[in-house]
């Protein structure tokens, strides 16, 4: 498949994705297999307060990766102290990722 120029110029992205060790409660979805810069993560907790829920997060990886964190947005309406009403994930770890 034809990869975008950014993916070709960012050799760390593909190995980082391949090294993900997601638990059975998470599933990653690349709608466009040729676009590793945009993907969704489905989280289905099997314990705790959110057990039985299905939460979708969208990820957009920018040109500053890995020095700039990806943009993460929760597409599922959920009450959580680190997610605002527009679905923005408000965690310092996303702002200061290395």
N, C-alpha and C. Protein backbone atom coordinates (compact mmCIF):
# COMPACT_ATOMS: atom_id res chain seq x y z
N UNK A 1 0.82 -1.20 0.00
CA UNK A 1 0.00 0.00 0.00
C UNK A 1 0.86 1.26 0.00
N UNK A 2 0.31 2.31 -0.55
CA UNK A 2 0.99 3.60 -0.62
C UNK A 2 0.87 4.31 0.72
N UNK A 3 1.98 4.60 1.37
CA UNK A 3 1.96 5.28 2.66
C UNK A 3 2.14 6.78 2.45
N UNK A 4 1.53 7.55 3.35
CA UNK A 4 1.65 9.00 3.24
C UNK A 4 3.11 9.42 3.46
N UNK A 5 3.51 10.58 2.92
CA UNK A 5 4.88 11.05 3.10
C UNK A 5 5.25 11.18 4.58
N UNK A 6 4.30 11.59 5.42
CA UNK A 6 4.62 11.74 6.84
C UNK A 6 4.93 10.39 7.48
N UNK A 7 4.15 9.38 7.17
CA UNK A 7 4.41 8.05 7.74
C UNK A 7 5.79 7.58 7.33
N UNK A 8 6.15 7.81 6.08
CA UNK A 8 7.47 7.41 5.61
C UNK A 8 8.58 8.20 6.31
N UNK A 9 8.31 9.47 6.64
CA UNK A 9 9.32 10.30 7.30
C UNK A 9 9.31 10.13 8.81
N UNK A 10 8.41 9.35 9.35
CA UNK A 10 8.32 9.13 10.79
C UNK A 10 8.47 7.63 11.07
N UNK A 11 9.70 7.13 11.01
CA UNK A 11 9.91 5.69 11.14
C UNK A 11 9.53 5.13 12.50
N UNK A 12 9.35 5.98 13.50
CA UNK A 12 9.02 5.48 14.84
C UNK A 12 7.55 5.12 14.98
N UNK A 13 6.68 5.69 14.19
CA UNK A 13 5.24 5.49 14.34
C UNK A 13 4.83 4.03 14.18
N UNK A 14 5.23 3.40 13.12
CA UNK A 14 4.82 2.02 12.87
C UNK A 14 5.32 1.06 13.96
N UNK A 15 6.59 1.13 14.37
CA UNK A 15 7.02 0.25 15.47
C UNK A 15 6.26 0.51 16.77
N UNK A 16 5.96 1.78 17.06
CA UNK A 16 5.22 2.09 18.28
C UNK A 16 3.84 1.43 18.26
N UNK A 17 3.19 1.48 17.11
CA UNK A 17 1.87 0.85 16.99
C UNK A 17 1.99 -0.66 17.10
N UNK A 18 3.00 -1.23 16.46
CA UNK A 18 3.19 -2.68 16.52
C UNK A 18 3.54 -3.17 17.92
N UNK A 19 4.14 -2.32 18.74
CA UNK A 19 4.52 -2.70 20.10
C UNK A 19 3.40 -2.55 21.11
N UNK A 20 2.26 -2.01 20.68
CA UNK A 20 1.14 -1.88 21.61
C UNK A 20 0.72 -3.25 22.12
N UNK A 21 0.57 -3.35 23.41
CA UNK A 21 0.13 -4.60 24.03
C UNK A 21 -1.20 -4.30 24.72
N UNK A 22 -2.26 -4.27 23.93
CA UNK A 22 -3.57 -3.90 24.44
C UNK A 22 -4.21 -5.04 25.21
N UNK A 23 -4.89 -4.72 26.31
CA UNK A 23 -5.62 -5.76 27.03
C UNK A 23 -6.84 -6.21 26.22
N UNK A 24 -7.43 -7.32 26.63
CA UNK A 24 -8.57 -7.87 25.89
C UNK A 24 -9.78 -6.94 25.90
N UNK A 25 -9.78 -5.95 26.77
CA UNK A 25 -10.89 -5.01 26.85
C UNK A 25 -10.74 -3.83 25.90
N UNK A 26 -9.67 -3.82 25.12
CA UNK A 26 -9.41 -2.72 24.18
C UNK A 26 -9.23 -3.25 22.76
N UNK A 27 -9.67 -2.45 21.81
CA UNK A 27 -9.54 -2.83 20.41
C UNK A 27 -9.20 -1.57 19.61
N UNK A 28 -8.22 -1.68 18.74
CA UNK A 28 -7.80 -0.55 17.92
C UNK A 28 -8.37 -0.72 16.51
N UNK A 29 -8.80 0.39 15.91
CA UNK A 29 -9.42 0.34 14.59
C UNK A 29 -8.78 1.38 13.68
N UNK A 30 -8.15 0.88 12.62
CA UNK A 30 -7.64 1.75 11.57
C UNK A 30 -8.62 1.67 10.42
N UNK A 31 -9.52 2.65 10.34
CA UNK A 31 -10.53 2.64 9.28
C UNK A 31 -9.89 2.61 7.91
N UNK A 32 -8.81 3.37 7.77
CA UNK A 32 -8.05 3.40 6.52
C UNK A 32 -6.69 2.77 6.80
N UNK A 33 -6.46 1.56 6.32
CA UNK A 33 -5.22 0.83 6.59
C UNK A 33 -3.98 1.56 6.09
N UNK A 34 -4.15 2.50 5.18
CA UNK A 34 -3.02 3.26 4.65
C UNK A 34 -2.73 4.52 5.48
N UNK A 35 -3.57 4.79 6.46
CA UNK A 35 -3.41 6.00 7.27
C UNK A 35 -3.23 5.63 8.73
N UNK A 36 -1.98 5.53 9.17
CA UNK A 36 -1.68 5.19 10.56
C UNK A 36 -1.80 6.41 11.48
N UNK A 37 -2.02 7.58 10.91
CA UNK A 37 -2.07 8.80 11.70
C UNK A 37 -3.41 9.05 12.36
N UNK A 38 -4.45 8.35 11.90
CA UNK A 38 -5.79 8.51 12.45
C UNK A 38 -6.34 7.13 12.78
N UNK A 39 -6.72 6.94 14.03
CA UNK A 39 -7.29 5.65 14.41
C UNK A 39 -8.21 5.84 15.61
N UNK A 40 -8.97 4.80 15.91
CA UNK A 40 -9.90 4.81 17.04
C UNK A 40 -9.56 3.67 17.97
N UNK A 41 -9.82 3.92 19.24
CA UNK A 41 -9.62 2.91 20.26
C UNK A 41 -10.94 2.68 20.97
N UNK A 42 -11.40 1.43 21.00
CA UNK A 42 -12.62 1.05 21.70
C UNK A 42 -12.22 0.41 23.02
N UNK A 43 -12.74 0.94 24.11
CA UNK A 43 -12.46 0.41 25.43
C UNK A 43 -13.77 -0.10 26.03
N UNK A 44 -13.79 -1.36 26.44
CA UNK A 44 -14.96 -1.99 27.05
C UNK A 44 -14.55 -2.56 28.41
N UNK A 45 -14.60 -1.75 29.46
CA UNK A 45 -14.16 -2.21 30.78
C UNK A 45 -14.95 -3.44 31.25
N UNK A 46 -14.25 -4.36 31.89
CA UNK A 46 -14.92 -5.55 32.41
C UNK A 46 -14.97 -5.56 33.94
N UNK A 47 -14.63 -4.41 34.53
CA UNK A 47 -14.73 -4.28 35.98
C UNK A 47 -14.83 -2.80 36.34
N UNK A 48 -15.18 -2.52 37.58
CA UNK A 48 -15.23 -1.15 38.06
C UNK A 48 -16.51 -0.43 37.69
N UNK A 49 -16.51 0.88 37.96
CA UNK A 49 -17.67 1.73 37.75
C UNK A 49 -18.15 1.74 36.29
N UNK A 50 -17.24 1.65 35.35
CA UNK A 50 -17.60 1.73 33.92
C UNK A 50 -17.80 0.36 33.28
N UNK A 51 -17.86 -0.71 34.09
CA UNK A 51 -18.05 -2.06 33.57
C UNK A 51 -19.28 -2.12 32.68
N UNK A 52 -19.13 -2.77 31.52
CA UNK A 52 -20.23 -2.91 30.57
C UNK A 52 -20.35 -1.74 29.60
N UNK A 53 -19.61 -0.68 29.83
CA UNK A 53 -19.66 0.46 28.93
C UNK A 53 -18.80 0.24 27.70
N UNK A 54 -19.06 1.03 26.67
CA UNK A 54 -18.24 1.02 25.46
C UNK A 54 -17.85 2.46 25.17
N UNK A 55 -16.56 2.70 25.16
CA UNK A 55 -16.05 4.06 25.03
C UNK A 55 -15.10 4.13 23.84
N UNK A 56 -15.38 5.07 22.94
CA UNK A 56 -14.59 5.22 21.73
C UNK A 56 -13.75 6.50 21.84
N UNK A 57 -12.46 6.35 21.58
CA UNK A 57 -11.53 7.48 21.57
C UNK A 57 -10.91 7.58 20.19
N UNK A 58 -10.85 8.80 19.65
CA UNK A 58 -10.19 9.00 18.36
C UNK A 58 -8.82 9.61 18.61
N UNK A 59 -7.86 9.19 17.81
CA UNK A 59 -6.47 9.65 17.91
C UNK A 59 -6.05 10.26 16.59
N UNK A 60 -5.38 11.41 16.67
CA UNK A 60 -4.79 12.06 15.50
C UNK A 60 -3.33 12.33 15.82
N UNK A 61 -2.46 11.69 15.10
CA UNK A 61 -1.02 11.85 15.31
C UNK A 61 -0.53 12.96 14.38
N UNK A 62 0.16 13.93 14.95
CA UNK A 62 0.63 15.07 14.17
C UNK A 62 2.07 14.92 13.72
N UNK A 63 2.54 15.92 12.99
CA UNK A 63 3.90 15.89 12.43
C UNK A 63 4.98 16.01 13.49
N UNK A 64 4.62 16.47 14.70
CA UNK A 64 5.61 16.60 15.76
C UNK A 64 5.85 15.32 16.55
N UNK A 65 5.16 14.24 16.16
CA UNK A 65 5.32 12.97 16.86
C UNK A 65 6.75 12.46 16.71
N UNK A 66 7.39 11.97 17.72
CA UNK A 66 6.91 11.61 19.06
C UNK A 66 7.09 12.72 20.10
N UNK A 67 7.58 13.88 19.70
CA UNK A 67 7.81 14.95 20.66
C UNK A 67 6.52 15.64 21.07
N UNK A 68 5.55 15.66 20.20
CA UNK A 68 4.23 16.20 20.52
C UNK A 68 3.25 15.04 20.63
N UNK A 69 2.41 15.05 21.65
CA UNK A 69 1.48 13.95 21.83
C UNK A 69 0.38 13.96 20.78
N UNK A 70 -0.25 12.83 20.55
CA UNK A 70 -1.39 12.80 19.63
C UNK A 70 -2.57 13.55 20.23
N UNK A 71 -3.47 14.00 19.38
CA UNK A 71 -4.72 14.61 19.83
C UNK A 71 -5.68 13.46 20.12
N UNK A 72 -6.24 13.46 21.30
CA UNK A 72 -7.14 12.39 21.72
C UNK A 72 -8.49 12.99 22.08
N UNK A 73 -9.55 12.38 21.58
CA UNK A 73 -10.89 12.87 21.85
C UNK A 73 -11.79 11.68 22.17
N UNK A 74 -12.58 11.81 23.22
CA UNK A 74 -13.54 10.77 23.57
C UNK A 74 -14.81 11.04 22.77
N UNK A 75 -15.20 10.08 21.95
CA UNK A 75 -16.38 10.25 21.11
C UNK A 75 -17.66 9.80 21.82
N UNK A 76 -17.51 9.17 22.96
CA UNK A 76 -18.65 8.67 23.73
C UNK A 76 -18.92 9.66 24.87
N UNK A 77 -20.18 10.06 25.01
CA UNK A 77 -20.54 10.95 26.11
C UNK A 77 -20.37 10.17 27.42
N UNK A 78 -19.52 10.68 28.29
CA UNK A 78 -19.24 9.99 29.55
C UNK A 78 -18.91 11.03 30.61
N UNK A 79 -19.32 10.75 31.83
CA UNK A 79 -18.94 11.63 32.94
C UNK A 79 -17.65 11.08 33.53
N UNK A 80 -16.60 11.87 33.38
CA UNK A 80 -15.29 11.49 33.91
C UNK A 80 -14.53 12.78 34.20
N UNK A 81 -13.81 12.85 35.33
CA UNK A 81 -13.13 14.11 35.68
C UNK A 81 -12.05 14.54 34.69
N UNK A 82 -11.56 13.64 33.85
CA UNK A 82 -10.51 14.01 32.90
C UNK A 82 -11.02 14.13 31.47
N UNK A 83 -12.35 14.17 31.29
CA UNK A 83 -12.94 14.34 29.96
C UNK A 83 -13.97 15.45 30.05
N UNK A 84 -13.79 16.50 29.23
CA UNK A 84 -14.73 17.61 29.29
C UNK A 84 -15.97 17.33 28.44
N UNK A 85 -16.90 18.27 28.41
CA UNK A 85 -18.18 18.07 27.72
C UNK A 85 -18.04 17.90 26.22
N UNK A 86 -16.94 18.38 25.63
CA UNK A 86 -16.70 18.21 24.19
C UNK A 86 -15.91 16.94 23.89
N UNK A 87 -15.57 16.17 24.91
CA UNK A 87 -14.83 14.93 24.70
C UNK A 87 -13.32 15.08 24.73
N UNK A 88 -12.85 16.28 25.04
CA UNK A 88 -11.41 16.49 25.12
C UNK A 88 -10.84 15.79 26.36
N UNK A 89 -9.77 15.05 26.15
CA UNK A 89 -9.13 14.35 27.25
C UNK A 89 -8.15 15.32 27.90
N UNK A 90 -8.34 15.57 29.17
CA UNK A 90 -7.56 16.58 29.89
C UNK A 90 -6.59 15.91 30.85
N UNK A 91 -5.52 15.41 30.33
CA UNK A 91 -4.49 14.76 31.13
C UNK A 91 -3.14 15.40 30.84
N UNK A 92 -2.42 15.76 31.87
CA UNK A 92 -1.10 16.34 31.67
C UNK A 92 -0.17 15.37 30.95
N UNK A 93 -0.37 14.07 31.14
CA UNK A 93 0.50 13.09 30.49
C UNK A 93 0.43 13.22 28.96
N UNK A 94 -0.72 13.65 28.43
CA UNK A 94 -0.83 13.84 26.98
C UNK A 94 -0.11 15.09 26.53
N UNK A 95 -0.02 16.08 27.38
CA UNK A 95 0.64 17.33 27.02
C UNK A 95 2.15 17.24 27.12
N UNK A 96 2.64 16.42 28.04
CA UNK A 96 4.07 16.37 28.32
C UNK A 96 4.68 15.04 27.95
N UNK A 97 4.08 14.33 27.02
CA UNK A 97 4.63 13.03 26.60
C UNK A 97 6.00 13.23 25.95
N UNK A 98 6.85 12.22 26.11
CA UNK A 98 8.17 12.33 25.48
C UNK A 98 8.30 11.32 24.38
